[in-house]
Amino acid sequence: MNEAEIIVDEKVPVVRIIREFDAAPAKVFRAHVEPELFVRWNWEDGYSVEFEHFDCRTGGSYRITMSGPEMAGSVHGSFHDVIRNELIVQTFTPDAAPDLVVLEKHRFEDLGGGRTRLTAQSLVESFEYRDAFIDAGLVEGYARLDELLEELATVD
């Protein structure tokens, strides 16, 4: 199983997660940009998720509402740069905390042999928010993404 490497900066509230997947960049990218796939690995069972809109292109935006056993709320953001199968740069803001804007960058690196290295970097407002972000189930989400990518390999 691939392990996530989580790197924090002690001077800037940023977290970088590096994770390899046994799938080509096109599939890993697709799981990030197609709402019906995105929802399957970002939330565990028991959550209801609704996409008001999800326009993953340079200059696009999104709004997502979710509710479940541990939380309920909505988030919105903008896609600043999207390069198919290579890069997503976006913002992320919880509606309940409009002053909190997270800048996220996802880079998809082709390792050859049908493998991808994903480097996800998030810059948040404070160290407190950064640490909460790390505790928000990132490792579990990537394990669900592994399962989804295995499933996609059998249907594509």
Foldseek 3Di string as FASTA:
>chain_A
DWFWDWDADPPFLKIKIKTKAQAFLQLLLCCCQPVVNVVQLPDDPFKDKDWPDGDQAAFAKTKMWMDGDPDTFMKIKGFHHDDRSAKTWMWIGTPVGRVKIKTKMWGWAGPPPRMTMIMIMIGIDDNVVSVVVVVSCPRSSVVSVNVVRVVVVVVD
